[in-house]
């Protein structure tokens, strides 16, 4: 199932911590606890591109204490408010 980053933002955008499992650029699998809407540490300059146009979800990584981008095309699983959504990758 293909999901858009913008749709994820609408569902996960309540400020609660959620867990995602996805495939990184190097092919390894990563599990991350993240949040949307974190303002701490933001300098106010803004991004130089629109991440949603590239299907990227900007999140705050709770363990590494930094901002990261998640490619929505490589999502495997999302857990939010105790509900797990399995997103199988499309076979090509």
PDB file of N, CA and C in Angstrom:
ATOM      1  N   UNK A   1       0.852  -1.176   0.000  1.00  0.00           N
ATOM      2  CA  UNK A   1       0.000   0.000   0.000  1.00  0.00           C
ATOM      3  C   UNK A   1       0.895   1.235   0.000  1.00  0.00           C
ATOM      4  N   UNK A   2       0.609   2.145  -0.912  1.00  0.00           N
ATOM      5  CA  UNK A   2       1.372   3.372  -0.977  1.00  0.00           C
ATOM      6  C   UNK A   2       0.634   4.442  -0.188  1.00  0.00           C
ATOM      7  N   UNK A   3       1.361   5.170   0.621  1.00  0.00           N
ATOM      8  CA  UNK A   3       0.757   6.203   1.464  1.00  0.00           C
ATOM      9  C   UNK A   3       1.534   7.499   1.249  1.00  0.00           C
ATOM     10  N   UNK A   4       0.830   8.624   1.284  1.00  0.00           N
ATOM     11  CA  UNK A   4       1.508   9.902   1.084  1.00  0.00           C
ATOM     12  C   UNK A   4       1.950  10.488   2.427  1.00  0.00           C
ATOM     13  N   UNK A   5       3.040  11.232   2.377  1.00  0.00           N
ATOM     14  CA  UNK A   5       3.571  11.866   3.579  1.00  0.00           C
ATOM     15  C   UNK A   5       2.580  12.888   4.127  1.00  0.00           C
ATOM     16  N   UNK A   6       1.873  13.561   3.249  1.00  0.00           N
ATOM     17  CA  UNK A   6       0.902  14.556   3.684  1.00  0.00           C
ATOM     18  C   UNK A   6      -0.270  13.909   4.418  1.00  0.00           C
ATOM     19  N   UNK A   7      -0.708  12.737   3.947  1.00  0.00           N
ATOM     20  CA  UNK A   7      -1.775  12.010   4.638  1.00  0.00           C
ATOM     21  C   UNK A   7      -1.306  11.540   6.012  1.00  0.00           C
ATOM     22  N   UNK A   8      -0.054  11.097   6.099  1.00  0.00           N
ATOM     23  CA  UNK A   8       0.510  10.693   7.392  1.00  0.00           C
ATOM     24  C   UNK A   8       0.559  11.867   8.356  1.00  0.00           C
ATOM     25  N   UNK A   9       0.926  13.035   7.850  1.00  0.00           N
ATOM     26  CA  UNK A   9       0.992  14.224   8.699  1.00  0.00           C
ATOM     27  C   UNK A   9      -0.373  14.527   9.309  1.00  0.00           C
ATOM     28  N   UNK A  10      -1.426  14.365   8.517  1.00  0.00           N
ATOM     29  CA  UNK A  10      -2.775  14.644   9.017  1.00  0.00           C
ATOM     30  C   UNK A  10      -3.182  13.649  10.096  1.00  0.00           C
ATOM     31  N   UNK A  11      -2.781  12.386   9.941  1.00  0.00           N
ATOM     32  CA  UNK A  11      -3.155  11.346  10.907  1.00  0.00           C
ATOM     33  C   UNK A  11      -2.289  11.428  12.163  1.00  0.00           C
ATOM     34  N   UNK A  12      -0.988  11.656  12.003  1.00  0.00           N
ATOM     35  CA  UNK A  12      -0.044  11.608  13.124  1.00  0.00           C
ATOM     36  C   UNK A  12       0.234  12.977  13.739  1.00  0.00           C
ATOM     37  N   UNK A  13      -0.348  14.020  13.216  1.00  0.00           N
ATOM     38  CA  UNK A  13      -0.004  15.379  13.596  1.00  0.00           C
ATOM     39  C   UNK A  13      -0.545  15.882  14.910  1.00  0.00           C
ATOM     40  N   UNK A  14      -0.937  14.999  15.810  1.00  0.00           N
ATOM     41  CA  UNK A  14      -1.507  15.452  17.084  1.00  0.00           C
ATOM     42  C   UNK A  14      -0.455  15.680  18.164  1.00  0.00           C
ATOM     43  N   UNK A  15       0.835  15.530  17.822  1.00  0.00           N
ATOM     44  CA  UNK A  15       1.906  15.776  18.789  1.00  0.00           C
ATOM     45  C   UNK A  15       2.271  14.578  19.634  1.00  0.00           C
ATOM     46  N   UNK A  16       1.572  13.478  19.490  1.00  0.00           N
ATOM     47  CA  UNK A  16       1.880  12.264  20.258  1.00  0.00           C
ATOM     48  C   UNK A  16       3.035  11.518  19.604  1.00  0.00           C
ATOM     49  N   UNK A  17       3.767  10.775  20.421  1.00  0.00           N
ATOM     50  CA  UNK A  17       4.883   9.970  19.932  1.00  0.00           C
ATOM     51  C   UNK A  17       4.320   8.767  19.179  1.00  0.00           C
ATOM     52  N   UNK A  18       4.940   8.467  18.049  1.00  0.00           N
ATOM     53  CA  UNK A  18       4.564   7.292  17.266  1.00  0.00           C
ATOM     54  C   UNK A  18       5.831   6.551  16.868  1.00  0.00           C
ATOM     55  N   UNK A  19       5.663   5.290  16.472  1.00  0.00           N
ATOM     56  CA  UNK A  19       6.796   4.466  16.078  1.00  0.00           C
ATOM     57  C   UNK A  19       6.650   4.110  14.613  1.00  0.00           C
ATOM     58  N   UNK A  20       7.745   4.234  13.874  1.00  0.00           N
ATOM     59  CA  UNK A  20       7.749   3.851  12.464  1.00  0.00           C
ATOM     60  C   UNK A  20       8.886   2.872  12.215  1.00  0.00           C
ATOM     61  N   UNK A  21       8.655   1.942  11.309  1.00  0.00           N
ATOM     62  CA  UNK A  21       9.687   1.039  10.824  1.00  0.00           C
ATOM     63  C   UNK A  21       9.748   1.268   9.328  1.00  0.00           C
ATOM     64  N   UNK A  22      10.963   1.538   8.817  1.00  0.00           N
ATOM     65  CA  UNK A  22      11.108   1.854   7.406  1.00  0.00           C
ATOM     66  C   UNK A  22      12.470   1.392   6.908  1.00  0.00           C
ATOM     67  N   UNK A  23      12.637   1.421   5.596  1.00  0.00           N
ATOM     68  CA  UNK A  23      13.904   1.051   4.964  1.00  0.00           C
ATOM     69  C   UNK A  23      14.678   2.332   4.693  1.00  0.00           C
ATOM     70  N   UNK A  24      15.911   2.387   5.196  1.00  0.00           N
ATOM     71  CA  UNK A  24      16.762   3.550   4.981  1.00  0.00           C
ATOM     72  C   UNK A  24      17.328   3.530   3.563  1.00  0.00           C
ATOM     73  N   UNK A  25      17.964   4.634   3.183  1.00  0.00           N
ATOM     74  CA  UNK A  25      18.555   4.738   1.846  1.00  0.00           C
ATOM     75  C   UNK A  25      19.580   3.646   1.573  1.00  0.00           C
ATOM     76  N   UNK A  26      20.313   3.237   2.609  1.00  0.00           N
ATOM     77  CA  UNK A  26      21.351   2.214   2.415  1.00  0.00           C
ATOM     78  C   UNK A  26      20.794   0.792   2.414  1.00  0.00           C
ATOM     79  N   UNK A  27      19.462   0.653   2.550  1.00  0.00           N
ATOM     80  CA  UNK A  27      18.821  -0.652   2.494  1.00  0.00           C
ATOM     81  C   UNK A  27      18.584  -1.300   3.849  1.00  0.00           C
ATOM     82  N   UNK A  28      19.133  -0.725   4.911  1.00  0.00           N
ATOM     83  CA  UNK A  28      18.920  -1.291   6.244  1.00  0.00           C
ATOM     84  C   UNK A  28      17.556  -0.858   6.779  1.00  0.00           C
ATOM     85  N   UNK A  29      17.055  -1.641   7.729  1.00  0.00           N
ATOM     86  CA  UNK A  29      15.747  -1.356   8.327  1.00  0.00           C
ATOM     87  C   UNK A  29      15.953  -0.598   9.624  1.00  0.00           C
ATOM     88  N   UNK A  30      15.148   0.440   9.835  1.00  0.00           N
ATOM     89  CA  UNK A  30      15.284   1.282  11.020  1.00  0.00           C
ATOM     90  C   UNK A  30      13.950   1.401  11.719  1.00  0.00           C
ATOM     91  N   UNK A  31      13.996   1.359  13.051  1.00  0.00           N
ATOM     92  CA  UNK A  31      12.817   1.586  13.887  1.00  0.00           C
ATOM     93  C   UNK A  31      13.060   2.900  14.617  1.00  0.00           C
ATOM     94  N   UNK A  32      12.086   3.791  14.577  1.00  0.00           N
ATOM     95  CA  UNK A  32      12.261   5.123  15.156  1.00  0.00           C
ATOM     96  C   UNK A  32      11.019   5.528  15.937  1.00  0.00           C
ATOM     97  N   UNK A  33      11.239   6.099  17.110  1.00  0.00           N
ATOM     98  CA  UNK A  33      10.178   6.765  17.858  1.00  0.00           C
ATOM     99  C   UNK A  33      10.274   8.239  17.500  1.00  0.00           C
ATOM    100  N   UNK A  34       9.173   8.801  17.028  1.00  0.00           N
ATOM    101  CA  UNK A  34       9.226  10.162  16.502  1.00  0.00           C
ATOM    102  C   UNK A  34       7.981  10.943  16.886  1.00  0.00           C
ATOM    103  N   UNK A  35       8.055  12.248  16.632  1.00  0.00           N
ATOM    104  CA  UNK A  35       6.930  13.162  16.856  1.00  0.00           C
ATOM    105  C   UNK A  35       6.882  14.169  15.723  1.00  0.00           C
ATOM    106  N   UNK A  36       5.708  14.675  15.470  1.00  0.00           N
ATOM    107  CA  UNK A  36       5.528  15.784  14.531  1.00  0.00           C
ATOM    108  C   UNK A  36       5.260  17.048  15.330  1.00  0.00           C
ATOM    109  N   UNK A  37       5.537  18.186  14.742  1.00  0.00           N
ATOM    110  CA  UNK A  37       5.187  19.456  15.367  1.00  0.00           C
ATOM    111  C   UNK A  37       6.132  19.936  16.444  1.00  0.00           C
ATOM    112  N   UNK A  38       7.355  19.407  16.517  1.00  0.00           N
ATOM    113  CA  UNK A  38       8.315  19.858  17.524  1.00  0.00           C
ATOM    114  C   UNK A  38       8.898  21.196  17.086  1.00  0.00           C
ATOM    115  N   UNK A  39       8.881  22.164  17.975  1.00  0.00           N
ATOM    116  CA  UNK A  39       9.385  23.503  17.669  1.00  0.00           C
ATOM    117  C   UNK A  39      10.756  23.781  18.312  1.00  0.00           C
ATOM    118  N   UNK A  40      11.117  23.019  19.333  1.00  0.00           N
ATOM    119  CA  UNK A  40      12.374  23.246  20.039  1.00  0.00           C
ATOM    120  C   UNK A  40      13.555  23.007  19.098  1.00  0.00           C
ATOM    121  N   UNK A  41      14.460  23.935  19.054  1.00  0.00           N
ATOM    122  CA  UNK A  41      15.642  23.799  18.224  1.00  0.00           C
ATOM    123  C   UNK A  41      15.465  24.307  16.806  1.00  0.00           C
ATOM    124  N   UNK A  42      14.271  24.762  16.462  1.00  0.00           N
ATOM    125  CA  UNK A  42      14.032  25.297  15.122  1.00  0.00           C
ATOM    126  C   UNK A  42      14.516  26.733  15.095  1.00  0.00           C
ATOM    127  N   UNK A  43      15.308  27.064  14.072  1.00  0.00           N
ATOM    128  CA  UNK A  43      15.905  28.397  13.988  1.00  0.00           C
ATOM    129  C   UNK A  43      14.999  29.411  13.286  1.00  0.00           C
ATOM    130  N   UNK A  44      13.919  28.963  12.669  1.00  0.00           N
ATOM    131  CA  UNK A  44      13.004  29.883  12.020  1.00  0.00           C
ATOM    132  C   UNK A  44      13.353  30.215  10.586  1.00  0.00           C
ATOM    133  N   UNK A  45      14.382  29.570  10.041  1.00  0.00           N
ATOM    134  CA  UNK A  45      14.790  29.847   8.670  1.00  0.00           C
ATOM    135  C   UNK A  45      13.883  29.132   7.680  1.00  0.00           C
ATOM    136  N   UNK A  46      13.480  27.939   8.010  1.00  0.00           N
ATOM    137  CA  UNK A  46      12.628  27.158   7.119  1.00  0.00           C
ATOM    138  C   UNK A  46      13.455  26.261   6.222  1.00  0.00           C
ATOM    139  N   UNK A  47      12.783  25.298   5.603  1.00  0.00           N
ATOM    140  CA  UNK A  47      13.475  24.372   4.701  1.00  0.00           C
ATOM    141  C   UNK A  47      13.620  24.995   3.330  1.00  0.00           C
ATOM    142  N   UNK A  48      14.646  24.553   2.610  1.00  0.00           N
ATOM    143  CA  UNK A  48      14.891  25.097   1.275  1.00  0.00           C
ATOM    144  C   UNK A  48      14.085  24.368   0.200  1.00  0.00           C
ATOM    145  N   UNK A  49      13.294  23.366   0.596  1.00  0.00           N
ATOM    146  CA  UNK A  49      12.457  22.632  -0.348  1.00  0.00           C
ATOM    147  C   UNK A  49      11.206  22.149   0.372  1.00  0.00           C
ATOM    148  N   UNK A  50      10.229  21.709  -0.410  1.00  0.00           N
ATOM    149  CA  UNK A  50       8.983  21.182   0.144  1.00  0.00           C
ATOM    150  C   UNK A  50       9.129  19.671   0.283  1.00  0.00           C
ATOM    151  N   UNK A  51       9.277  19.144   1.514  1.00  0.00           N
ATOM    152  CA  UNK A  51       9.486  17.702   1.670  1.00  0.00           C
ATOM    153  C   UNK A  51       8.292  16.872   1.219  1.00  0.00           C
ATOM    154  N   UNK A  52       7.078  17.415   1.309  1.00  0.00           N
ATOM    155  CA  UNK A  52       5.888  16.651   0.945  1.00  0.00           C
ATOM    156  C   UNK A  52       5.809  16.410  -0.567  1.00  0.00           C
ATOM    157  N   UNK A  53       6.414  17.298  -1.362  1.00  0.00           N
ATOM    158  CA  UNK A  53       6.432  17.086  -2.811  1.00  0.00           C
ATOM    159  C   UNK A  53       7.322  15.904  -3.188  1.00  0.00           C
ATOM    160  N   UNK A  54       8.257  15.542  -2.300  1.00  0.00           N
ATOM    161  CA  UNK A  54       9.131  14.383  -2.527  1.00  0.00           C
ATOM    162  C   UNK A  54       8.689  13.186  -1.690  1.00  0.00           C
ATOM    163  N   UNK A  55       7.489  13.274  -1.115  1.00  0.00           N
ATOM    164  CA  UNK A  55       6.895  12.238  -0.265  1.00  0.00           C
ATOM    165  C   UNK A  55       7.759  11.934   0.965  1.00  0.00           C
ATOM    166  N   UNK A  56       8.360  12.989   1.532  1.00  0.00           N
ATOM    167  CA  UNK A  56       9.161  12.873   2.749  1.00  0.00           C
ATOM    168  C   UNK A  56       8.375  13.458   3.921  1.00  0.00           C
ATOM    169  N   UNK A  57       8.501  12.813   5.071  1.00  0.00           N
ATOM    170  CA  UNK A  57       7.827  13.263   6.286  1.00  0.00           C
ATOM    171  C   UNK A  57       8.879  13.772   7.269  1.00  0.00           C
ATOM    172  N   UNK A  58       8.925  15.091   7.517  1.00  0.00           N
ATOM    173  CA  UNK A  58       9.882  15.610   8.498  1.00  0.00           C
ATOM    174  C   UNK A  58       9.389  15.314   9.917  1.00  0.00           C
ATOM    175  N   UNK A  59      10.236  14.664  10.722  1.00  0.00           N
ATOM    176  CA  UNK A  59       9.872  14.268  12.087  1.00  0.00           C
ATOM    177  C   UNK A  59      11.007  14.614  13.033  1.00  0.00           C
ATOM    178  N   UNK A  60      10.711  14.564  14.322  1.00  0.00           N
ATOM    179  CA  UNK A  60      11.726  14.716  15.359  1.00  0.00           C
ATOM    180  C   UNK A  60      11.997  13.334  15.939  1.00  0.00           C
ATOM    181  N   UNK A  61      13.234  12.854  15.835  1.00  0.00           N
ATOM    182  CA  UNK A  61      13.645  11.547  16.351  1.00  0.00           C
ATOM    183  C   UNK A  61      13.839  11.674  17.859  1.00  0.00           C
ATOM    184  N   UNK A  62      13.025  10.967  18.626  1.00  0.00           N
ATOM    185  CA  UNK A  62      13.043  11.083  20.085  1.00  0.00           C
ATOM    186  C   UNK A  62      14.301  10.490  20.714  1.00  0.00           C
ATOM    187  N   UNK A  63      14.897   9.450  20.102  1.00  0.00           N
ATOM    188  CA  UNK A  63      16.087   8.832  20.678  1.00  0.00           C
ATOM    189  C   UNK A  63      17.350   9.620  20.354  1.00  0.00           C
ATOM    190  N   UNK A  64      17.475  10.052  19.107  1.00  0.00           N
ATOM    191  CA  UNK A  64      18.685  10.765  18.689  1.00  0.00           C
ATOM    192  C   UNK A  64      18.578  12.268  18.887  1.00  0.00           C
ATOM    193  N   UNK A  65      17.397  12.719  19.307  1.00  0.00           N
ATOM    194  CA  UNK A  65      17.151  14.128  19.615  1.00  0.00           C
ATOM    195  C   UNK A  65      17.562  15.047  18.459  1.00  0.00           C
ATOM    196  N   UNK A  66      16.983  14.752  17.304  1.00  0.00           N
ATOM    197  CA  UNK A  66      17.250  15.568  16.129  1.00  0.00           C
ATOM    198  C   UNK A  66      16.169  15.378  15.090  1.00  0.00           C
ATOM    199  N   UNK A  67      16.149  16.272  14.129  1.00  0.00           N
ATOM    200  CA  UNK A  67      15.148  16.196  13.066  1.00  0.00           C
ATOM    201  C   UNK A  67      15.614  15.245  11.977  1.00  0.00           C
ATOM    202  N   UNK A  68      14.690  14.464  11.428  1.00  0.00           N
ATOM    203  CA  UNK A  68      14.977  13.490  10.386  1.00  0.00           C
ATOM    204  C   UNK A  68      13.871  13.544   9.346  1.00  0.00           C
ATOM    205  N   UNK A  69      14.154  12.965   8.169  1.00  0.00           N
ATOM    206  CA  UNK A  69      13.161  12.823   7.103  1.00  0.00           C
ATOM    207  C   UNK A  69      12.897  11.339   6.887  1.00  0.00           C
ATOM    208  N   UNK A  70      11.634  10.979   6.813  1.00  0.00           N
ATOM    209  CA  UNK A  70      11.248   9.598   6.539  1.00  0.00           C
ATOM    210  C   UNK A  70      10.613   9.563   5.162  1.00  0.00           C
ATOM    211  N   UNK A  71      11.101   8.682   4.302  1.00  0.00           N
ATOM    212  CA  UNK A  71      10.528   8.499   2.976  1.00  0.00           C
ATOM    213  C   UNK A  71       9.267   7.640   3.134  1.00  0.00           C
ATOM    214  N   UNK A  72       8.118   8.207   2.856  1.00  0.00           N
ATOM    215  CA  UNK A  72       6.848   7.498   3.035  1.00  0.00           C
ATOM    216  C   UNK A  72       6.734   6.299   2.098  1.00  0.00           C
ATOM    217  N   UNK A  73       7.493   6.286   1.000  1.00  0.00           N
ATOM    218  CA  UNK A  73       7.458   5.167   0.056  1.00  0.00           C
ATOM    219  C   UNK A  73       8.104   3.908   0.639  1.00  0.00           C
ATOM    220  N   UNK A  74       8.951   4.057   1.661  1.00  0.00           N
ATOM    221  CA  UNK A  74       9.669   2.905   2.213  1.00  0.00           C
ATOM    222  C   UNK A  74       9.139   2.469   3.574  1.00  0.00           C
ATOM    223  N   UNK A  75       7.993   2.983   3.984  1.00  0.00           N
ATOM    224  CA  UNK A  75       7.418   2.611   5.281  1.00  0.00           C
ATOM    225  C   UNK A  75       6.990   1.151   5.293  1.00  0.00           C
ATOM    226  N   UNK A  76       7.278   0.489   6.395  1.00  0.00           N
ATOM    227  CA  UNK A  76       6.860  -0.894   6.596  1.00  0.00           C
ATOM    228  C   UNK A  76       5.726  -0.959   7.610  1.00  0.00           C
ATOM    229  N   UNK A  77       5.876  -0.193   8.712  1.00  0.00           N
ATOM    230  CA  UNK A  77       4.892  -0.275   9.794  1.00  0.00           C
ATOM    231  C   UNK A  77       4.845   1.067  10.541  1.00  0.00           C
ATOM    232  N   UNK A  78       3.645   1.455  10.962  1.00  0.00           N
ATOM    233  CA  UNK A  78       3.438   2.657  11.770  1.00  0.00           C
ATOM    234  C   UNK A  78       2.581   2.261  12.961  1.00  0.00           C
ATOM    235  N   UNK A  79       3.018   2.639  14.175  1.00  0.00           N
ATOM    236  CA  UNK A  79       2.229   2.395  15.385  1.00  0.00           C
ATOM    237  C   UNK A  79       1.907   3.746  16.011  1.00  0.00           C
ATOM    238  N   UNK A  80       0.600   4.000  16.207  1.00  0.00           N
ATOM    239  CA  UNK A  80       0.160   5.283  16.738  1.00  0.00           C
ATOM    240  C   UNK A  80      -1.037   5.034  17.654  1.00  0.00           C
ATOM    241  N   UNK A  81      -0.955   5.524  18.876  1.00  0.00           N
ATOM    242  CA  UNK A  81      -2.016   5.367  19.882  1.00  0.00           C
ATOM    243  C   UNK A  81      -2.379   3.900  20.086  1.00  0.00           C
ATOM    244  N   UNK A  82      -1.368   3.037  20.082  1.00  0.00           N
ATOM    245  CA  UNK A  82      -1.578   1.622  20.358  1.00  0.00           C
ATOM    246  C   UNK A  82      -2.078   0.792  19.188  1.00  0.00           C
ATOM    247  N   UNK A  83      -2.264   1.409  18.038  1.00  0.00           N
ATOM    248  CA  UNK A  83      -2.734   0.692  16.848  1.00  0.00           C
ATOM    249  C   UNK A  83      -1.586   0.599  15.853  1.00  0.00           C
ATOM    250  N   UNK A  84      -1.326  -0.628  15.360  1.00  0.00           N
ATOM    251  CA  UNK A  84      -0.252  -0.844  14.397  1.00  0.00           C
ATOM    252  C   UNK A  84      -0.831  -1.006  13.000  1.00  0.00           C
ATOM    253  N   UNK A  85      -0.270  -0.248  12.066  1.00  0.00           N
ATOM    254  CA  UNK A  85      -0.662  -0.323  10.664  1.00  0.00           C
ATOM    255  C   UNK A  85       0.507  -0.909   9.881  1.00  0.00           C
ATOM    256  N   UNK A  86       0.287  -2.078   9.270  1.00  0.00           N
ATOM    257  CA  UNK A  86       1.317  -2.710   8.454  1.00  0.00           C
ATOM    258  C   UNK A  86       1.151  -2.241   7.018  1.00  0.00           C
ATOM    259  N   UNK A  87       2.200  -1.663   6.487  1.00  0.00           N
ATOM    260  CA  UNK A  87       2.181  -1.152   5.118  1.00  0.00           C
ATOM    261  C   UNK A  87       3.176  -1.975   4.315  1.00  0.00           C
ATOM    262  N   UNK A  88       2.667  -2.911   3.556  1.00  0.00           N
ATOM    263  CA  UNK A  88       3.557  -3.749   2.760  1.00  0.00           C
ATOM    264  C   UNK A  88       4.051  -2.952   1.574  1.00  0.00           C
ATOM    265  N   UNK A  89       5.329  -3.154   1.254  1.00  0.00           N
ATOM    266  CA  UNK A  89       5.898  -2.453   0.114  1.00  0.00           C
ATOM    267  C   UNK A  89       5.399  -3.095  -1.171  1.00  0.00           C
ATOM    268  N   UNK A  90       5.172  -2.256  -2.179  1.00  0.00           N
ATOM    269  CA  UNK A  90       4.716  -2.757  -3.467  1.00  0.00           C
ATOM    270  C   UNK A  90       5.826  -3.535  -4.157  1.00  0.00           C
ATOM    271  N   UNK A  91       5.483  -4.697  -4.692  1.00  0.00           N
ATOM    272  CA  UNK A  91       6.434  -5.498  -5.449  1.00  0.00           C
ATOM    273  C   UNK A  91       6.442  -4.987  -6.881  1.00  0.00           C
ATOM    274  N   UNK A  92       7.636  -4.783  -7.421  1.00  0.00           N
ATOM    275  CA  UNK A  92       7.734  -4.268  -8.784  1.00  0.00           C
ATOM    276  C   UNK A  92       8.336  -5.278  -9.698  1.00  0.00           C
TER     277      UNK A  92
END
